[in-house]
Amino acid sequence: MVFTSVVNFVRSRGPDEFWRKRKIFKMAAHYYGRPRNCYSVTIRAVHRALVYATQGRKQKRRDFRELWEQRITAGARQHGLPYEEFSENLLRNNILLNRKSLADLACWEPRSFEALAKIAANTPKGHVPK
């Protein structure tokens, strides 16, 4: 670009400004009204949406953990064990399944979960395997 004066050169932001705004407008393409068309309103709306998205990812992890614990608790209670004792006895027997796997077993494969519950129920109190 050729500028006739320094003032025009200083004020020009070039193609970078276009692409920076375009990136924000693409994120706001599904909004209605001014948050879709007016850059100063759009950028605030998009930043707020990104904050909510970050919080939502953390909330999703919390919700799934809670769901898995409820499913494991329900499955363990069916076999006469509280959740804490069930998980502790599995650890003592070196059965290192995470909450998601245990919840899936409790929900979709009850016989496999029953086998785990029997192992946990038959574990002596002070038992620490090698």
Protein backbone atom coordinates (compact mmCIF):
# COMPACT_ATOMS: atom_id res chain seq x y z
CA MET A 1 0.00 0.00 0.00
CA VAL A 2 1.22 3.44 -0.85
CA PHE A 3 0.25 6.22 1.54
CA THR A 4 0.32 9.89 0.68
CA SER A 5 0.78 10.95 4.28
CA VAL A 6 2.02 9.58 7.58
CA VAL A 7 -1.42 10.15 9.14
CA ASN A 8 -3.06 7.68 6.76
CA PHE A 9 -0.26 5.18 7.35
CA VAL A 10 -0.73 5.33 11.13
CA ARG A 11 -4.52 4.95 10.91
CA SER A 12 -4.38 2.02 8.50
CA ARG A 13 -4.46 -1.41 10.09
CA GLY A 14 -4.39 -3.27 6.82
CA PRO A 15 -5.79 -6.71 6.13
CA ASP A 16 -5.06 -7.91 9.67
CA GLU A 17 -8.02 -6.02 11.05
CA PHE A 18 -10.36 -7.57 8.49
CA TRP A 19 -9.33 -11.12 9.32
CA ARG A 20 -9.34 -10.52 13.07
CA LYS A 21 -12.90 -9.21 12.89
CA ARG A 22 -13.90 -11.98 10.51
CA LYS A 23 -12.79 -14.60 13.05
CA ILE A 24 -15.03 -13.02 15.71
CA PHE A 25 -17.97 -12.62 13.33
CA LYS A 26 -17.72 -16.29 12.33
CA MET A 27 -18.06 -17.28 15.98
CA ALA A 28 -21.17 -15.08 16.23
CA ALA A 29 -22.77 -16.24 12.96
CA HIS A 30 -25.70 -17.92 14.74
CA TYR A 31 -26.55 -14.92 16.96
CA TYR A 32 -29.59 -12.71 16.35
CA GLY A 33 -29.59 -8.93 15.88
CA ARG A 34 -26.75 -6.63 16.86
CA PRO A 35 -24.56 -9.26 18.48
CA ARG A 36 -24.24 -10.73 15.01
CA ASN A 37 -23.65 -7.54 13.01
CA CYS A 38 -22.09 -4.88 15.23
CA TYR A 39 -18.45 -5.62 16.07
CA SER A 40 -18.32 -3.83 19.41
CA VAL A 41 -21.37 -5.79 20.62
CA THR A 42 -20.25 -8.99 18.90
CA ILE A 43 -16.90 -9.16 20.62
CA ARG A 44 -18.48 -8.84 24.07
CA ALA A 45 -21.04 -11.54 23.28
CA VAL A 46 -18.41 -13.91 21.91
CA HIS A 47 -16.10 -13.42 24.91
CA ARG A 48 -18.99 -14.10 27.29
CA ALA A 49 -19.88 -17.24 25.31
CA LEU A 50 -16.29 -18.48 25.50
CA VAL A 51 -16.30 -17.98 29.28
CA TYR A 52 -19.52 -19.98 29.56
CA ALA A 53 -18.02 -22.71 27.35
CA THR A 54 -15.00 -23.00 29.65
CA GLN A 55 -17.23 -23.23 32.73
CA GLY A 56 -19.42 -25.75 30.92
CA ARG A 57 -16.53 -28.11 30.28
CA LYS A 58 -15.68 -28.15 33.98
CA GLN A 59 -19.34 -28.62 34.91
CA LYS A 60 -19.63 -31.51 32.47
CA ARG A 61 -16.76 -33.34 34.19
CA ARG A 62 -18.41 -32.79 37.59
CA ASP A 63 -21.78 -34.02 36.33
CA PHE A 64 -20.35 -37.18 34.79
CA ARG A 65 -18.35 -38.01 37.91
CA GLU A 66 -21.50 -37.63 40.00
CA LEU A 67 -23.48 -39.84 37.60
CA TRP A 68 -20.81 -42.55 37.65
CA GLU A 69 -20.69 -42.53 41.44
CA GLN A 70 -24.49 -42.85 41.64
CA ARG A 71 -24.47 -45.82 39.28
CA ILE A 72 -21.66 -47.55 41.16
CA THR A 73 -23.41 -46.88 44.48
CA ALA A 74 -26.66 -48.35 43.19
CA GLY A 75 -24.89 -51.44 41.83
CA ALA A 76 -22.91 -51.96 45.03
CA ARG A 77 -26.03 -51.60 47.20
CA GLN A 78 -27.76 -54.32 45.18
CA HIS A 79 -25.02 -56.65 46.37
CA GLY A 80 -25.07 -55.39 49.96
CA LEU A 81 -21.99 -53.16 49.95
CA PRO A 82 -21.65 -49.44 50.52
CA TYR A 83 -19.78 -47.52 47.80
CA GLU A 84 -16.74 -46.69 49.96
CA GLU A 85 -16.21 -50.29 51.05
CA PHE A 86 -16.72 -51.58 47.51
CA SER A 87 -14.14 -49.23 45.96
CA GLU A 88 -11.66 -49.70 48.81
CA ASN A 89 -11.83 -53.51 48.55
CA LEU A 90 -11.34 -53.38 44.79
CA LEU A 91 -8.20 -51.31 45.38
CA ARG A 92 -6.96 -53.83 47.96
CA ASN A 93 -7.34 -56.57 45.35
CA ASN A 94 -5.42 -54.52 42.75
CA ILE A 95 -8.51 -54.10 40.56
CA LEU A 96 -7.77 -50.62 39.23
CA LEU A 97 -10.88 -49.76 37.24
CA ASN A 98 -11.86 -46.11 37.02
CA ARG A 99 -15.31 -44.77 37.84
CA LYS A 100 -16.43 -44.67 34.23
CA SER A 101 -15.58 -48.33 33.65
CA LEU A 102 -17.24 -49.43 36.89
CA ALA A 103 -20.36 -47.40 36.10
CA ASP A 104 -20.59 -48.95 32.62
CA LEU A 105 -20.26 -52.41 34.11
CA ALA A 106 -22.92 -51.66 36.72
CA CYS A 107 -25.29 -50.34 34.09
CA TRP A 108 -24.73 -52.58 31.06
CA GLU A 109 -23.02 -55.74 32.34
CA PRO A 110 -24.56 -56.58 35.72
CA ARG A 111 -23.04 -60.09 35.89
CA SER A 112 -19.51 -58.73 35.50
CA PHE A 113 -20.26 -56.14 38.16
CA GLU A 114 -21.68 -58.90 40.38
CA ALA A 115 -18.38 -60.77 40.07
CA LEU A 116 -16.50 -57.64 41.15
CA ALA A 117 -18.91 -57.18 44.05
CA LYS A 118 -18.30 -60.77 45.19
CA ILE A 119 -14.55 -60.18 45.10
CA ALA A 120 -14.99 -56.97 47.10
CA ALA A 121 -17.33 -58.64 49.60
CA ASN A 122 -14.94 -61.55 50.25
CA THR A 123 -11.94 -59.33 50.95
CA PRO A 124 -10.81 -59.50 54.59
CA LYS A 125 -10.48 -56.18 56.45
CA GLY A 126 -6.68 -56.04 56.81
CA HIS A 127 -5.95 -57.78 53.49
CA VAL A 128 -3.22 -56.09 51.43
CA PRO A 129 -2.13 -58.26 48.45
CA LYS A 130 1.37 -58.07 46.96
